Amino acid sequence: MHLLENYLSDSPALMDVGIVDMMAENLRSKFSTVAESVLKVSLASLIGVITLSI
């Protein structure tokens, strides 16, 4: 355990806050796009079901 602590304290940071923020924003964007697509398909299916039931 001490070896790992020494390695982490001696090595430079592999990721900085900017990289983490960029990755989080990218994930948010992708999730938003997927959620929007699912919502559109669900709405289209609902409209189709209502149309067929009339």
Protein backbone atom coordinates (compact mmCIF):
# COMPACT_ATOMS: atom_id res chain seq x y z
CA MET A 1 0.00 0.00 0.00
CA HIS A 2 2.83 2.37 0.81
CA LEU A 3 4.39 1.65 -2.57
CA LEU A 4 1.20 2.77 -4.31
CA GLU A 5 0.97 5.92 -2.17
CA ASN A 6 4.60 6.76 -2.95
CA TYR A 7 4.05 6.18 -6.67
CA LEU A 8 0.97 8.38 -6.73
CA SER A 9 2.67 11.18 -4.82
CA ASP A 10 5.84 11.05 -6.96
CA SER A 11 4.22 10.69 -10.39
CA PRO A 12 2.70 13.64 -12.22
CA ALA A 13 -1.05 13.79 -12.51
CA LEU A 14 -2.20 11.76 -15.49
CA MET A 15 -5.49 13.62 -15.72
CA ASP A 16 -6.23 17.19 -14.82
CA VAL A 17 -9.53 18.85 -14.09
CA GLY A 18 -9.90 20.12 -17.66
CA ILE A 19 -9.75 16.62 -19.11
CA VAL A 20 -12.28 15.31 -16.58
CA ASP A 21 -14.63 18.23 -17.31
CA MET A 22 -14.30 17.65 -21.04
CA MET A 23 -15.09 13.94 -20.64
CA ALA A 24 -18.11 14.71 -18.42
CA GLU A 25 -19.44 17.25 -20.94
CA ASN A 26 -18.97 14.72 -23.76
CA LEU A 27 -20.89 12.07 -21.81
CA ARG A 28 -23.67 14.55 -21.02
CA SER A 29 -23.94 15.44 -24.69
CA LYS A 30 -24.07 11.81 -25.81
CA PHE A 31 -26.65 10.95 -23.13
CA SER A 32 -28.77 13.92 -24.16
CA THR A 33 -28.65 12.85 -27.81
CA VAL A 34 -29.62 9.26 -26.97
CA ALA A 35 -32.42 10.42 -24.66
CA GLU A 36 -33.77 12.73 -27.36
CA SER A 37 -33.75 9.89 -29.91
CA VAL A 38 -35.55 7.54 -27.54
CA LEU A 39 -38.15 10.20 -26.80
CA LYS A 40 -38.77 10.82 -30.51
CA VAL A 41 -39.20 7.10 -31.21
CA SER A 42 -41.52 6.71 -28.21
CA LEU A 43 -43.63 9.67 -29.30
CA ALA A 44 -43.82 8.37 -32.86
CA SER A 45 -44.88 4.94 -31.57
CA LEU A 46 -47.53 6.49 -29.34
CA ILE A 47 -48.94 8.52 -32.22
CA GLY A 48 -48.96 5.39 -34.38
CA VAL A 49 -50.83 3.39 -31.75
CA ILE A 50 -53.39 6.17 -31.29
CA THR A 51 -53.86 6.43 -35.06
CA LEU A 52 -54.39 2.68 -35.41
CA SER A 53 -56.85 2.56 -32.53
CA ILE A 54 -59.09 5.24 -34.06
